[in-house]
Amino acid sequence: MNRRSALASAALVAALSGGCAQARHVDVMTVLANANCQTTEIGVRAIDYAALAALRGTRLIGMTESEDSAQQPVHLIAIVPGEFPTPGYSVTLKDGAMLAGDQLTIAVKTDRPAPDAVLAQMITHPCLVVGIADPSVARVKVVDDSAAVLGEVVLAAPKKP
């Protein structure tokens, strides 16, 4: 990323998070990126591991949560930007998830197929599931490439580090 892009991204995140001078970068990991998830729920929502499996069209059998994961939880956030008429759409993380106060702002990009692509006509629901392990995150806002808010979700109350 060149310096101009980095500055523009930082300015966008600052504007979206209310311009708070205390904003800091938070690592967000991609857990699942799928071009056609098994869901019709458009938007942003917190999910658990069973819902993660369901997005892939599977289910968990006999799985229990470990004590370590209960003490250091990873919040899973499902992002489904919309319903599309063909395959070829995908959702990816953009750089620079920023935390201002207890709100994390995540930027995503929706890639579209080429205008001249010959594709099957079928309804698809591309999705992205991200994991957030930072205990100070209590709220998550997801914005798209045009800075439109795709959705917001409230997580459990943050723990003081």
C-alpha atoms as a PDB file:
ATOM      1  CA  MET A   1       0.000   0.000   0.000  1.00  0.00           C
ATOM      2  CA  ASN A   2       1.507   3.335  -0.969  1.00  0.00           C
ATOM      3  CA  ARG A   3       1.640   6.323   1.364  1.00  0.00           C
ATOM      4  CA  ARG A   4      -1.248   8.174  -0.319  1.00  0.00           C
ATOM      5  CA  SER A   5      -3.537   5.110  -0.058  1.00  0.00           C
ATOM      6  CA  ALA A   6      -2.550   4.593   3.583  1.00  0.00           C
ATOM      7  CA  LEU A   7      -3.318   8.226   4.416  1.00  0.00           C
ATOM      8  CA  ALA A   8      -6.649   8.081   2.578  1.00  0.00           C
ATOM      9  CA  SER A   9      -7.602   4.873   4.408  1.00  0.00           C
ATOM     10  CA  ALA A  10      -6.641   6.383   7.757  1.00  0.00           C
ATOM     11  CA  ALA A  11      -8.685   9.515   7.011  1.00  0.00           C
ATOM     12  CA  LEU A  12     -11.715   7.405   6.028  1.00  0.00           C
ATOM     13  CA  VAL A  13     -11.515   5.317   9.187  1.00  0.00           C
ATOM     14  CA  ALA A  14     -11.105   8.449  11.333  1.00  0.00           C
ATOM     15  CA  ALA A  15     -14.145  10.042   9.705  1.00  0.00           C
ATOM     16  CA  LEU A  16     -16.225   6.880  10.115  1.00  0.00           C
ATOM     17  CA  SER A  17     -15.274   6.480  13.754  1.00  0.00           C
ATOM     18  CA  GLY A  18     -16.098  10.046  14.693  1.00  0.00           C
ATOM     19  CA  GLY A  19     -12.561  11.363  14.317  1.00  0.00           C
ATOM     20  CA  CYS A  20     -11.452  10.062  17.704  1.00  0.00           C
ATOM     21  CA  ALA A  21      -7.764  10.698  18.281  1.00  0.00           C
ATOM     22  CA  GLN A  22      -7.453   7.475  20.304  1.00  0.00           C
ATOM     23  CA  ALA A  23      -8.205   5.100  17.399  1.00  0.00           C
ATOM     24  CA  ARG A  24      -5.900   2.104  17.058  1.00  0.00           C
ATOM     25  CA  HIS A  25      -5.477  -0.776  14.644  1.00  0.00           C
ATOM     26  CA  VAL A  26      -7.023  -4.136  15.576  1.00  0.00           C
ATOM     27  CA  ASP A  27      -6.178  -7.429  13.891  1.00  0.00           C
ATOM     28  CA  VAL A  28      -9.164  -9.020  12.185  1.00  0.00           C
ATOM     29  CA  MET A  29      -8.779 -12.500  10.711  1.00  0.00           C
ATOM     30  CA  THR A  30     -10.664 -14.012   7.808  1.00  0.00           C
ATOM     31  CA  VAL A  31     -12.292 -17.228   9.024  1.00  0.00           C
ATOM     32  CA  LEU A  32     -14.450 -17.952   5.959  1.00  0.00           C
ATOM     33  CA  ALA A  33     -14.748 -16.314   2.553  1.00  0.00           C
ATOM     34  CA  ASN A  34     -17.314 -18.028   0.355  1.00  0.00           C
ATOM     35  CA  ALA A  35     -18.873 -17.017  -2.953  1.00  0.00           C
ATOM     36  CA  ASN A  36     -22.216 -18.613  -2.069  1.00  0.00           C
ATOM     37  CA  CYS A  37     -23.011 -19.182   1.575  1.00  0.00           C
ATOM     38  CA  GLN A  38     -26.026 -21.179   2.672  1.00  0.00           C
ATOM     39  CA  THR A  39     -27.987 -18.212   4.032  1.00  0.00           C
ATOM     40  CA  THR A  40     -30.579 -15.674   3.045  1.00  0.00           C
ATOM     41  CA  GLU A  41     -29.813 -13.365   5.998  1.00  0.00           C
ATOM     42  CA  ILE A  42     -28.302 -10.244   4.462  1.00  0.00           C
ATOM     43  CA  GLY A  43     -26.344  -7.893   6.714  1.00  0.00           C
ATOM     44  CA  VAL A  44     -23.931  -8.160   9.624  1.00  0.00           C
ATOM     45  CA  ARG A  45     -24.418 -10.398  12.646  1.00  0.00           C
ATOM     46  CA  ALA A  46     -22.487 -12.155  15.403  1.00  0.00           C
ATOM     47  CA  ILE A  47     -22.510 -15.926  14.992  1.00  0.00           C
ATOM     48  CA  ASP A  48     -21.241 -18.998  16.822  1.00  0.00           C
ATOM     49  CA  TYR A  49     -19.293 -21.981  15.484  1.00  0.00           C
ATOM     50  CA  ALA A  50     -22.447 -23.961  14.679  1.00  0.00           C
ATOM     51  CA  ALA A  51     -23.742 -21.083  12.537  1.00  0.00           C
ATOM     52  CA  LEU A  52     -20.322 -20.902  10.856  1.00  0.00           C
ATOM     53  CA  ALA A  53     -20.639 -24.554   9.861  1.00  0.00           C
ATOM     54  CA  ALA A  54     -24.193 -23.942   8.626  1.00  0.00           C
ATOM     55  CA  LEU A  55     -22.975 -21.142   6.341  1.00  0.00           C
ATOM     56  CA  ARG A  56     -20.848 -23.784   4.611  1.00  0.00           C
ATOM     57  CA  GLY A  57     -23.804 -26.166   4.401  1.00  0.00           C
ATOM     58  CA  THR A  58     -22.575 -28.504   7.148  1.00  0.00           C
ATOM     59  CA  ARG A  59     -23.168 -29.020  10.859  1.00  0.00           C
ATOM     60  CA  LEU A  60     -21.071 -29.687  13.932  1.00  0.00           C
ATOM     61  CA  ILE A  61     -21.445 -32.986  15.744  1.00  0.00           C
ATOM     62  CA  GLY A  62     -20.372 -33.422  19.375  1.00  0.00           C
ATOM     63  CA  MET A  63     -18.215 -30.313  19.589  1.00  0.00           C
ATOM     64  CA  THR A  64     -17.741 -28.538  22.915  1.00  0.00           C
ATOM     65  CA  GLU A  65     -16.020 -25.289  23.729  1.00  0.00           C
ATOM     66  CA  SER A  66     -12.648 -25.503  25.500  1.00  0.00           C
ATOM     67  CA  GLU A  67     -11.896 -23.596  28.715  1.00  0.00           C
ATOM     68  CA  ASP A  68      -9.196 -21.597  26.898  1.00  0.00           C
ATOM     69  CA  SER A  69     -11.655 -20.364  24.281  1.00  0.00           C
ATOM     70  CA  ALA A  70     -14.147 -19.332  26.971  1.00  0.00           C
ATOM     71  CA  GLN A  71     -11.486 -17.220  28.694  1.00  0.00           C
ATOM     72  CA  GLN A  72     -10.122 -15.739  25.449  1.00  0.00           C
ATOM     73  CA  PRO A  73     -13.108 -15.695  23.079  1.00  0.00           C
ATOM     74  CA  VAL A  74     -12.900 -14.987  19.386  1.00  0.00           C
ATOM     75  CA  HIS A  75     -16.028 -13.170  18.227  1.00  0.00           C
ATOM     76  CA  LEU A  76     -17.227 -14.366  14.827  1.00  0.00           C
ATOM     77  CA  ILE A  77     -18.940 -11.779  12.627  1.00  0.00           C
ATOM     78  CA  ALA A  78     -20.807 -12.867   9.471  1.00  0.00           C
ATOM     79  CA  ILE A  79     -20.981 -10.283   6.680  1.00  0.00           C
ATOM     80  CA  VAL A  80     -23.407 -10.893   3.805  1.00  0.00           C
ATOM     81  CA  PRO A  81     -23.576  -7.775   1.602  1.00  0.00           C
ATOM     82  CA  GLY A  82     -26.530  -8.874  -0.483  1.00  0.00           C
ATOM     83  CA  GLU A  83     -28.209 -11.298  -2.826  1.00  0.00           C
ATOM     84  CA  PHE A  84     -26.808 -11.433  -6.361  1.00  0.00           C
ATOM     85  CA  PRO A  85     -28.191 -12.902  -9.615  1.00  0.00           C
ATOM     86  CA  THR A  86     -25.078 -14.831 -10.704  1.00  0.00           C
ATOM     87  CA  PRO A  87     -21.916 -16.424  -9.339  1.00  0.00           C
ATOM     88  CA  GLY A  88     -18.717 -14.379  -9.444  1.00  0.00           C
ATOM     89  CA  TYR A  89     -19.287 -12.077  -6.467  1.00  0.00           C
ATOM     90  CA  SER A  90     -17.054 -12.180  -3.391  1.00  0.00           C
ATOM     91  CA  VAL A  91     -16.413 -10.204  -0.210  1.00  0.00           C
ATOM     92  CA  THR A  92     -12.931  -9.435   1.126  1.00  0.00           C
ATOM     93  CA  LEU A  93     -11.453  -7.458   4.005  1.00  0.00           C
ATOM     94  CA  LYS A  94      -9.804  -4.162   3.247  1.00  0.00           C
ATOM     95  CA  ASP A  95      -6.782  -3.122   5.307  1.00  0.00           C
ATOM     96  CA  GLY A  96      -7.079  -1.027   8.427  1.00  0.00           C
ATOM     97  CA  ALA A  97      -9.757  -2.171  10.899  1.00  0.00           C
ATOM     98  CA  MET A  98      -9.697   0.591  13.512  1.00  0.00           C
ATOM     99  CA  LEU A  99     -10.940   0.673  17.095  1.00  0.00           C
ATOM    100  CA  ALA A 100     -12.197   3.992  18.494  1.00  0.00           C
ATOM    101  CA  GLY A 101     -13.449   3.649  22.044  1.00  0.00           C
ATOM    102  CA  ASP A 102     -15.160   0.259  22.052  1.00  0.00           C
ATOM    103  CA  GLN A 103     -16.321   0.372  18.397  1.00  0.00           C
ATOM    104  CA  LEU A 104     -14.384  -1.451  15.704  1.00  0.00           C
ATOM    105  CA  THR A 105     -14.893  -0.253  12.129  1.00  0.00           C
ATOM    106  CA  ILE A 106     -14.181  -2.866   9.461  1.00  0.00           C
ATOM    107  CA  ALA A 107     -14.058  -2.021   5.751  1.00  0.00           C
ATOM    108  CA  VAL A 108     -14.909  -4.682   3.161  1.00  0.00           C
ATOM    109  CA  LYS A 109     -14.866  -4.804  -0.617  1.00  0.00           C
ATOM    110  CA  THR A 110     -17.423  -6.600  -2.768  1.00  0.00           C
ATOM    111  CA  ASP A 111     -15.858  -7.867  -5.986  1.00  0.00           C
ATOM    112  CA  ARG A 112     -18.123  -8.298  -8.990  1.00  0.00           C
ATOM    113  CA  PRO A 113     -17.739 -10.436 -12.121  1.00  0.00           C
ATOM    114  CA  ALA A 114     -16.600  -8.789 -15.345  1.00  0.00           C
ATOM    115  CA  PRO A 115     -19.486  -7.071 -17.188  1.00  0.00           C
ATOM    116  CA  ASP A 116     -18.992  -9.327 -20.227  1.00  0.00           C
ATOM    117  CA  ALA A 117     -18.749 -12.575 -18.209  1.00  0.00           C
ATOM    118  CA  VAL A 118     -21.099 -15.366 -19.255  1.00  0.00           C
ATOM    119  CA  LEU A 119     -22.438 -16.804 -16.012  1.00  0.00           C
ATOM    120  CA  ALA A 120     -25.228 -19.086 -14.873  1.00  0.00           C
ATOM    121  CA  GLN A 121     -28.362 -17.361 -13.648  1.00  0.00           C
ATOM    122  CA  MET A 122     -28.626 -18.369  -9.993  1.00  0.00           C
ATOM    123  CA  ILE A 123     -29.138 -16.467  -6.760  1.00  0.00           C
ATOM    124  CA  THR A 124     -25.929 -16.295  -4.700  1.00  0.00           C
ATOM    125  CA  HIS A 125     -25.112 -14.930  -1.247  1.00  0.00           C
ATOM    126  CA  PRO A 126     -21.368 -14.258  -0.965  1.00  0.00           C
ATOM    127  CA  CYS A 127     -20.232 -14.011   2.630  1.00  0.00           C
ATOM    128  CA  LEU A 128     -17.246 -13.228   4.766  1.00  0.00           C
ATOM    129  CA  VAL A 129     -16.824 -14.387   8.357  1.00  0.00           C
ATOM    130  CA  VAL A 130     -14.183 -12.602  10.398  1.00  0.00           C
ATOM    131  CA  GLY A 131     -12.756 -13.351  13.822  1.00  0.00           C
ATOM    132  CA  ILE A 132     -12.003 -10.672  16.395  1.00  0.00           C
ATOM    133  CA  ALA A 133     -10.033 -11.637  19.498  1.00  0.00           C
ATOM    134  CA  ASP A 134      -9.451  -8.167  20.992  1.00  0.00           C
ATOM    135  CA  PRO A 135     -11.307  -8.059  24.356  1.00  0.00           C
ATOM    136  CA  SER A 136     -11.854  -4.280  24.187  1.00  0.00           C
ATOM    137  CA  VAL A 137     -14.189  -4.531  21.165  1.00  0.00           C
ATOM    138  CA  ALA A 138     -17.856  -4.217  22.184  1.00  0.00           C
ATOM    139  CA  ARG A 139     -19.397  -2.981  18.934  1.00  0.00           C
ATOM    140  CA  VAL A 140     -18.569  -3.679  15.303  1.00  0.00           C
ATOM    141  CA  LYS A 141     -19.547  -1.524  12.325  1.00  0.00           C
ATOM    142  CA  VAL A 142     -18.964  -2.816   8.787  1.00  0.00           C
ATOM    143  CA  VAL A 143     -18.691  -0.423   5.837  1.00  0.00           C
ATOM    144  CA  ASP A 144     -18.346  -1.148   2.124  1.00  0.00           C
ATOM    145  CA  ASP A 145     -16.011   0.375  -0.481  1.00  0.00           C
ATOM    146  CA  SER A 146     -18.257   3.444  -0.809  1.00  0.00           C
ATOM    147  CA  ALA A 147     -18.268   3.966   3.007  1.00  0.00           C
ATOM    148  CA  ALA A 148     -21.947   2.890   3.245  1.00  0.00           C
ATOM    149  CA  VAL A 149     -22.741   1.073   6.483  1.00  0.00           C
ATOM    150  CA  LEU A 150     -23.603  -2.577   5.782  1.00  0.00           C
ATOM    151  CA  GLY A 151     -24.517  -3.195   9.402  1.00  0.00           C
ATOM    152  CA  GLU A 152     -23.580  -2.963  13.045  1.00  0.00           C
ATOM    153  CA  VAL A 153     -23.528  -5.519  15.821  1.00  0.00           C
ATOM    154  CA  VAL A 154     -23.148  -5.257  19.587  1.00  0.00           C
ATOM    155  CA  LEU A 155     -20.933  -7.862  21.247  1.00  0.00           C
ATOM    156  CA  ALA A 156     -20.601  -8.716  24.935  1.00  0.00           C
ATOM    157  CA  ALA A 157     -19.401  -5.900  27.185  1.00  0.00           C
ATOM    158  CA  PRO A 158     -15.663  -5.332  26.736  1.00  0.00           C
ATOM    159  CA  LYS A 159     -13.206  -6.510  29.334  1.00  0.00           C
ATOM    160  CA  LYS A 160     -10.645  -4.067  30.639  1.00  0.00           C
ATOM    161  CA  PRO A 161      -7.156  -5.124  29.443  1.00  0.00           C
END
